[in-house]
Amino acid sequence: DVTEIEEKEAQAKQEEQIMKEQELSNLLHEKRYLKALGLAISLDRPHTVLTVVKAILKEPEGRRHLEENIARLRKDQKEAVLAFLVTWNTNSRNCHEAQAVMETLLKHEAPESLLQFSGIKSAVESLLPYT
């Protein structure tokens, strides 16, 4: 009977998720945005990433801080943010943040590098009508 083992694994996974949520909350409170962005991306939480972006933009010199944080992300994290911002851009409440992140990506990534992103073609096709 593996039911007990599966239950323990599920409980451990849930506890780990709660710990990560708490860590994310602490990082936002401490204004450690780069780590918060990385953790939110790894948890695959587009709304949380948006919350972090909004918090960064509310800071004095928020655009500069956003650029610094986005530029320091790994390629796979930038690809995830690109996928998230496609969705954000379709909502008028979040389109300004999406455009700020997109501007940062376009400024700091070479066109050849952007073409290597997975899903770039569909992202551009989705962004064009709303941009």
N, C-alpha and C. Protein backbone atom coordinates (compact mmCIF):
# COMPACT_ATOMS: atom_id res chain seq x y z
N ASP A 1 0.85 -1.19 0.00
CA ASP A 1 0.00 0.00 0.00
C ASP A 1 0.88 1.25 0.00
N VAL A 2 0.79 2.04 -1.05
CA VAL A 2 1.64 3.23 -1.18
C VAL A 2 0.88 4.52 -0.86
N THR A 3 -0.34 4.38 -0.39
CA THR A 3 -1.17 5.56 -0.11
C THR A 3 -0.51 6.45 0.93
N GLU A 4 0.02 5.85 1.99
CA GLU A 4 0.64 6.63 3.06
C GLU A 4 1.88 7.38 2.55
N ILE A 5 2.67 6.74 1.73
CA ILE A 5 3.86 7.37 1.15
C ILE A 5 3.46 8.54 0.26
N GLU A 6 2.45 8.33 -0.58
CA GLU A 6 1.98 9.40 -1.46
C GLU A 6 1.43 10.57 -0.66
N GLU A 7 0.71 10.28 0.43
CA GLU A 7 0.18 11.35 1.28
C GLU A 7 1.31 12.16 1.92
N LYS A 8 2.35 11.46 2.37
CA LYS A 8 3.49 12.15 2.98
C LYS A 8 4.21 13.03 1.95
N GLU A 9 4.36 12.52 0.74
CA GLU A 9 4.99 13.29 -0.33
C GLU A 9 4.17 14.54 -0.66
N ALA A 10 2.85 14.37 -0.74
CA ALA A 10 1.97 15.50 -1.03
C ALA A 10 2.04 16.53 0.09
N GLN A 11 2.07 16.05 1.33
CA GLN A 11 2.16 16.97 2.47
C GLN A 11 3.49 17.71 2.47
N ALA A 12 4.58 17.01 2.16
CA ALA A 12 5.90 17.64 2.10
C ALA A 12 5.94 18.70 1.01
N LYS A 13 5.33 18.38 -0.13
CA LYS A 13 5.28 19.33 -1.24
C LYS A 13 4.48 20.57 -0.85
N GLN A 14 3.37 20.36 -0.17
CA GLN A 14 2.53 21.48 0.27
C GLN A 14 3.27 22.34 1.29
N GLU A 15 3.99 21.71 2.22
CA GLU A 15 4.76 22.46 3.22
C GLU A 15 5.86 23.28 2.55
N GLU A 16 6.51 22.69 1.55
CA GLU A 16 7.55 23.40 0.82
C GLU A 16 6.96 24.61 0.09
N GLN A 17 5.79 24.45 -0.49
CA GLN A 17 5.10 25.54 -1.17
C GLN A 17 4.79 26.67 -0.20
N ILE A 18 4.32 26.33 0.98
CA ILE A 18 4.00 27.35 2.01
C ILE A 18 5.27 28.08 2.43
N MET A 19 6.37 27.35 2.59
CA MET A 19 7.65 27.97 2.96
C MET A 19 8.11 28.95 1.89
N LYS A 20 7.97 28.55 0.64
CA LYS A 20 8.37 29.44 -0.46
C LYS A 20 7.49 30.68 -0.51
N GLU A 21 6.20 30.51 -0.27
CA GLU A 21 5.28 31.66 -0.25
C GLU A 21 5.69 32.64 0.85
N GLN A 22 6.04 32.10 2.03
CA GLN A 22 6.46 32.95 3.14
C GLN A 22 7.77 33.65 2.80
N GLU A 23 8.70 32.93 2.20
CA GLU A 23 9.97 33.52 1.80
C GLU A 23 9.74 34.64 0.78
N LEU A 24 8.83 34.42 -0.15
CA LEU A 24 8.51 35.43 -1.15
C LEU A 24 7.94 36.68 -0.49
N SER A 25 7.05 36.48 0.45
CA SER A 25 6.47 37.60 1.18
C SER A 25 7.56 38.37 1.93
N ASN A 26 8.47 37.66 2.55
CA ASN A 26 9.57 38.30 3.28
C ASN A 26 10.48 39.09 2.33
N LEU A 27 10.79 38.51 1.18
CA LEU A 27 11.65 39.19 0.21
C LEU A 27 11.01 40.49 -0.27
N LEU A 28 9.71 40.46 -0.52
CA LEU A 28 9.01 41.68 -0.95
C LEU A 28 9.03 42.72 0.15
N HIS A 29 8.82 42.29 1.37
CA HIS A 29 8.82 43.21 2.51
C HIS A 29 10.20 43.84 2.70
N GLU A 30 11.25 43.05 2.46
CA GLU A 30 12.63 43.53 2.60
C GLU A 30 13.12 44.26 1.34
N LYS A 31 12.28 44.33 0.34
CA LYS A 31 12.60 44.98 -0.94
C LYS A 31 13.81 44.35 -1.62
N ARG A 32 13.90 43.04 -1.53
CA ARG A 32 14.94 42.28 -2.23
C ARG A 32 14.29 41.72 -3.50
N TYR A 33 14.15 42.63 -4.47
CA TYR A 33 13.33 42.36 -5.63
C TYR A 33 13.89 41.30 -6.57
N LEU A 34 15.21 41.26 -6.74
CA LEU A 34 15.77 40.29 -7.67
C LEU A 34 15.48 38.87 -7.20
N LYS A 35 15.69 38.60 -5.93
CA LYS A 35 15.39 37.27 -5.39
C LYS A 35 13.90 36.99 -5.44
N ALA A 36 13.09 38.02 -5.16
CA ALA A 36 11.63 37.86 -5.22
C ALA A 36 11.19 37.52 -6.63
N LEU A 37 11.75 38.21 -7.62
CA LEU A 37 11.42 37.91 -9.02
C LEU A 37 11.79 36.47 -9.36
N GLY A 38 13.00 36.08 -9.00
CA GLY A 38 13.45 34.72 -9.30
C GLY A 38 12.58 33.66 -8.67
N LEU A 39 12.21 33.89 -7.41
CA LEU A 39 11.36 32.92 -6.71
C LEU A 39 9.96 32.86 -7.31
N ALA A 40 9.39 34.02 -7.62
CA ALA A 40 8.04 34.05 -8.21
C ALA A 40 8.04 33.38 -9.58
N ILE A 41 9.10 33.58 -10.35
CA ILE A 41 9.21 32.93 -11.66
C ILE A 41 9.34 31.42 -11.48
N SER A 42 10.16 30.99 -10.53
CA SER A 42 10.35 29.55 -10.32
C SER A 42 9.06 28.88 -9.83
N LEU A 43 8.22 29.64 -9.11
CA LEU A 43 6.94 29.11 -8.66
C LEU A 43 5.88 29.17 -9.76
N ASP A 44 6.23 29.78 -10.90
CA ASP A 44 5.32 29.96 -12.04
C ASP A 44 4.07 30.72 -11.60
N ARG A 45 4.31 31.91 -11.03
CA ARG A 45 3.23 32.75 -10.51
C ARG A 45 3.25 34.10 -11.23
N PRO A 46 2.62 34.20 -12.40
CA PRO A 46 2.63 35.44 -13.17
C PRO A 46 2.10 36.64 -12.38
N HIS A 47 1.05 36.43 -11.60
CA HIS A 47 0.48 37.55 -10.85
C HIS A 47 1.46 38.04 -9.78
N THR A 48 2.19 37.13 -9.16
CA THR A 48 3.18 37.52 -8.16
C THR A 48 4.34 38.27 -8.81
N VAL A 49 4.75 37.81 -9.99
CA VAL A 49 5.81 38.53 -10.73
C VAL A 49 5.32 39.94 -11.04
N LEU A 50 4.07 40.07 -11.45
CA LEU A 50 3.49 41.38 -11.72
C LEU A 50 3.49 42.24 -10.46
N THR A 51 3.17 41.66 -9.33
CA THR A 51 3.18 42.39 -8.06
C THR A 51 4.59 42.90 -7.75
N VAL A 52 5.59 42.08 -8.00
CA VAL A 52 6.99 42.49 -7.77
C VAL A 52 7.34 43.63 -8.72
N VAL A 53 6.96 43.51 -9.98
CA VAL A 53 7.25 44.57 -10.96
C VAL A 53 6.58 45.88 -10.53
N LYS A 54 5.33 45.81 -10.09
CA LYS A 54 4.63 47.01 -9.63
C LYS A 54 5.33 47.62 -8.43
N ALA A 55 5.79 46.78 -7.51
CA ALA A 55 6.50 47.28 -6.32
C ALA A 55 7.80 47.98 -6.72
N ILE A 56 8.50 47.41 -7.68
CA ILE A 56 9.75 48.03 -8.15
C ILE A 56 9.45 49.39 -8.77
N LEU A 57 8.42 49.45 -9.61
CA LEU A 57 8.10 50.70 -10.30
C LEU A 57 7.61 51.79 -9.35
N LYS A 58 7.10 51.42 -8.18
CA LYS A 58 6.65 52.42 -7.20
C LYS A 58 7.82 53.06 -6.46
N GLU A 59 8.98 52.41 -6.50
CA GLU A 59 10.16 52.93 -5.83
C GLU A 59 10.65 54.20 -6.54
N PRO A 60 11.38 55.07 -5.80
CA PRO A 60 12.04 56.17 -6.49
C PRO A 60 13.04 55.58 -7.49
N GLU A 61 13.08 56.13 -8.66
CA GLU A 61 13.91 55.60 -9.76
C GLU A 61 13.53 54.15 -10.08
N GLY A 62 12.24 53.89 -10.08
CA GLY A 62 11.74 52.55 -10.30
C GLY A 62 12.11 51.96 -11.65
N ARG A 63 12.08 52.78 -12.69
CA ARG A 63 12.44 52.28 -14.04
C ARG A 63 13.87 51.76 -14.06
N ARG A 64 14.78 52.52 -13.43
CA ARG A 64 16.18 52.12 -13.41
C ARG A 64 16.35 50.81 -12.62
N HIS A 65 15.65 50.72 -11.49
CA HIS A 65 15.71 49.49 -10.68
C HIS A 65 15.11 48.31 -11.44
N LEU A 66 14.04 48.55 -12.17
CA LEU A 66 13.43 47.49 -12.97
C LEU A 66 14.42 46.99 -14.02
N GLU A 67 15.07 47.92 -14.70
CA GLU A 67 16.05 47.55 -15.72
C GLU A 67 17.18 46.72 -15.10
N GLU A 68 17.68 47.16 -13.95
CA GLU A 68 18.77 46.43 -13.30
C GLU A 68 18.34 45.02 -12.93
N ASN A 69 17.14 44.87 -12.39
CA ASN A 69 16.68 43.55 -11.97
C ASN A 69 16.38 42.64 -13.14
N ILE A 70 15.73 43.16 -14.16
CA ILE A 70 15.41 42.33 -15.34
C ILE A 70 16.69 41.92 -16.06
N ALA A 71 17.64 42.83 -16.16
CA ALA A 71 18.90 42.54 -16.85
C ALA A 71 19.68 41.42 -16.14
N ARG A 72 19.50 41.28 -14.85
CA ARG A 72 20.26 40.29 -14.09
C ARG A 72 19.60 38.91 -14.08
N LEU A 73 18.42 38.78 -14.66
CA LEU A 73 17.76 37.48 -14.72
C LEU A 73 18.45 36.56 -15.73
N ARG A 74 18.33 35.26 -15.49
CA ARG A 74 18.85 34.28 -16.45
C ARG A 74 17.96 34.27 -17.69
N LYS A 75 18.47 33.67 -18.76
CA LYS A 75 17.73 33.63 -20.03
C LYS A 75 16.38 32.92 -19.85
N ASP A 76 16.35 31.81 -19.15
CA ASP A 76 15.09 31.08 -18.97
C ASP A 76 14.09 31.91 -18.15
N GLN A 77 14.59 32.70 -17.20
CA GLN A 77 13.71 33.56 -16.42
C GLN A 77 13.17 34.70 -17.28
N LYS A 78 14.00 35.23 -18.15
CA LYS A 78 13.54 36.29 -19.06
C LYS A 78 12.47 35.74 -20.02
N GLU A 79 12.65 34.50 -20.47
CA GLU A 79 11.65 33.89 -21.33
C GLU A 79 10.31 33.75 -20.60
N ALA A 80 10.38 33.38 -19.33
CA ALA A 80 9.15 33.24 -18.53
C ALA A 80 8.48 34.61 -18.35
N VAL A 81 9.28 35.63 -18.07
CA VAL A 81 8.73 36.98 -17.91
C VAL A 81 8.09 37.45 -19.21
N LEU A 82 8.72 37.14 -20.33
CA LEU A 82 8.15 37.50 -21.63
C LEU A 82 6.78 36.84 -21.81
N ALA A 83 6.69 35.58 -21.45
CA ALA A 83 5.40 34.88 -21.57
C ALA A 83 4.36 35.51 -20.65
N PHE A 84 4.78 35.90 -19.44
CA PHE A 84 3.86 36.53 -18.50
C PHE A 84 3.38 37.89 -19.02
N LEU A 85 4.31 38.67 -19.54
CA LEU A 85 3.94 40.04 -19.95
C LEU A 85 3.00 40.05 -21.14
N VAL A 86 3.00 38.99 -21.94
CA VAL A 86 2.03 38.88 -23.03
C VAL A 86 0.62 38.91 -22.46
N THR A 87 0.42 38.17 -21.37
CA THR A 87 -0.89 38.14 -20.72
C THR A 87 -1.19 39.47 -20.04
N TRP A 88 -0.22 40.03 -19.34
CA TRP A 88 -0.43 41.32 -18.65
C TRP A 88 -0.83 42.40 -19.63
N ASN A 89 -0.24 42.36 -20.82
CA ASN A 89 -0.45 43.42 -21.80
C ASN A 89 -1.89 43.46 -22.32
N THR A 90 -2.61 42.38 -22.20
CA THR A 90 -3.99 42.35 -22.69
C THR A 90 -4.98 43.01 -21.73
N ASN A 91 -4.53 43.33 -20.52
CA ASN A 91 -5.38 43.95 -19.51
C ASN A 91 -4.94 45.40 -19.33
N SER A 92 -5.87 46.33 -19.47
CA SER A 92 -5.50 47.75 -19.39
C SER A 92 -4.95 48.15 -18.03
N ARG A 93 -5.28 47.41 -16.98
CA ARG A 93 -4.75 47.73 -15.65
C ARG A 93 -3.27 47.37 -15.53
N ASN A 94 -2.82 46.42 -16.32
CA ASN A 94 -1.45 45.93 -16.19
C ASN A 94 -0.58 46.23 -17.40
N CYS A 95 -1.14 46.89 -18.40
CA CYS A 95 -0.40 47.07 -19.66
C CYS A 95 0.82 47.98 -19.48
N HIS A 96 0.76 48.93 -18.56
CA HIS A 96 1.90 49.83 -18.39
C HIS A 96 3.11 49.08 -17.82
N GLU A 97 2.86 48.18 -16.88
CA GLU A 97 3.95 47.36 -16.34
C GLU A 97 4.49 46.42 -17.41
N ALA A 98 3.59 45.84 -18.20
CA ALA A 98 4.01 44.95 -19.28
C ALA A 98 4.89 45.70 -20.28
N GLN A 99 4.48 46.92 -20.62
CA GLN A 99 5.26 47.71 -21.57
C GLN A 99 6.62 48.10 -20.98
N ALA A 100 6.67 48.37 -19.68
CA ALA A 100 7.95 48.73 -19.03
C ALA A 100 8.91 47.54 -19.08
N VAL A 101 8.38 46.35 -18.81
CA VAL A 101 9.23 45.15 -18.84
C VAL A 101 9.66 44.86 -20.27
N MET A 102 8.73 45.00 -21.22
CA MET A 102 9.07 44.75 -22.62
C MET A 102 10.13 45.73 -23.09
N GLU A 103 9.98 47.01 -22.72
CA GLU A 103 10.98 48.01 -23.10
C GLU A 103 12.36 47.63 -22.55
N THR A 104 12.40 47.17 -21.32
CA THR A 104 13.66 46.76 -20.71
C THR A 104 14.27 45.59 -21.46
N LEU A 105 13.46 44.61 -21.80
CA LEU A 105 13.98 43.47 -22.55
C LEU A 105 14.52 43.91 -23.91
N LEU A 106 13.79 44.78 -24.58
CA LEU A 106 14.22 45.23 -25.90
C LEU A 106 15.50 46.08 -25.83
N LYS A 107 15.64 46.83 -24.75
CA LYS A 107 16.84 47.66 -24.58
C LYS A 107 18.08 46.85 -24.27
N HIS A 108 17.92 45.82 -23.46
CA HIS A 108 19.08 45.12 -22.91
C HIS A 108 19.39 43.79 -23.57
N GLU A 109 18.55 43.35 -24.47
CA GLU A 109 18.81 42.10 -25.18
C GLU A 109 19.06 42.41 -26.65
N ALA A 110 20.08 41.83 -27.19
CA ALA A 110 20.37 41.99 -28.62
C ALA A 110 19.27 41.27 -29.41
N PRO A 111 18.95 41.78 -30.60
CA PRO A 111 17.92 41.11 -31.41
C PRO A 111 18.21 39.63 -31.64
N GLU A 112 19.48 39.30 -31.86
CA GLU A 112 19.84 37.89 -32.07
C GLU A 112 19.53 37.06 -30.83
N SER A 113 19.76 37.65 -29.66
CA SER A 113 19.47 36.97 -28.40
C SER A 113 17.97 36.78 -28.22
N LEU A 114 17.19 37.81 -28.54
CA LEU A 114 15.74 37.71 -28.42
C LEU A 114 15.17 36.64 -29.35
N LEU A 115 15.76 36.50 -30.52
CA LEU A 115 15.28 35.50 -31.47
C LEU A 115 15.51 34.08 -30.97
N GLN A 116 16.42 33.90 -30.01
CA GLN A 116 16.70 32.58 -29.45
C GLN A 116 15.71 32.20 -28.35
N PHE A 117 14.90 33.17 -27.87
CA PHE A 117 13.93 32.89 -26.81
C PHE A 117 12.89 31.91 -27.33
N SER A 118 12.53 30.95 -26.49
CA SER A 118 11.47 30.03 -26.90
C SER A 118 10.13 30.77 -26.85
N GLY A 119 9.35 30.61 -27.86
CA GLY A 119 8.04 31.25 -27.91
C GLY A 119 8.07 32.70 -28.31
N ILE A 120 9.17 33.19 -28.85
CA ILE A 120 9.27 34.61 -29.20
C ILE A 120 8.30 34.96 -30.33
N LYS A 121 8.15 34.05 -31.30
CA LYS A 121 7.28 34.36 -32.44
C LYS A 121 5.84 34.54 -31.99
N SER A 122 5.34 33.63 -31.19
CA SER A 122 3.95 33.76 -30.72
C SER A 122 3.80 34.94 -29.77
N ALA A 123 4.84 35.24 -28.99
CA ALA A 123 4.79 36.39 -28.08
C ALA A 123 4.66 37.68 -28.88
N VAL A 124 5.46 37.82 -29.93
CA VAL A 124 5.40 39.04 -30.75
C VAL A 124 4.04 39.14 -31.43
N GLU A 125 3.54 38.02 -31.94
CA GLU A 125 2.22 38.03 -32.59
C GLU A 125 1.12 38.44 -31.62
N SER A 126 1.24 38.00 -30.38
CA SER A 126 0.25 38.34 -29.36
C SER A 126 0.39 39.77 -28.86
N LEU A 127 1.60 40.29 -28.85
CA LEU A 127 1.83 41.65 -28.35
C LEU A 127 1.43 42.72 -29.35
N LEU A 128 1.60 42.45 -30.63
CA LEU A 128 1.36 43.46 -31.64
C LEU A 128 -0.04 44.10 -31.60
N PRO A 129 -1.11 43.36 -31.48
CA PRO A 129 -2.43 44.01 -31.49
C PRO A 129 -2.67 44.94 -30.29
N TYR A 130 -2.00 44.66 -29.17
CA TYR A 130 -2.26 45.44 -27.96
C TYR A 130 -1.22 46.52 -27.71
N THR A 131 -0.13 46.50 -28.47
CA THR A 131 0.94 47.46 -28.21
C THR A 131 0.81 48.68 -29.08
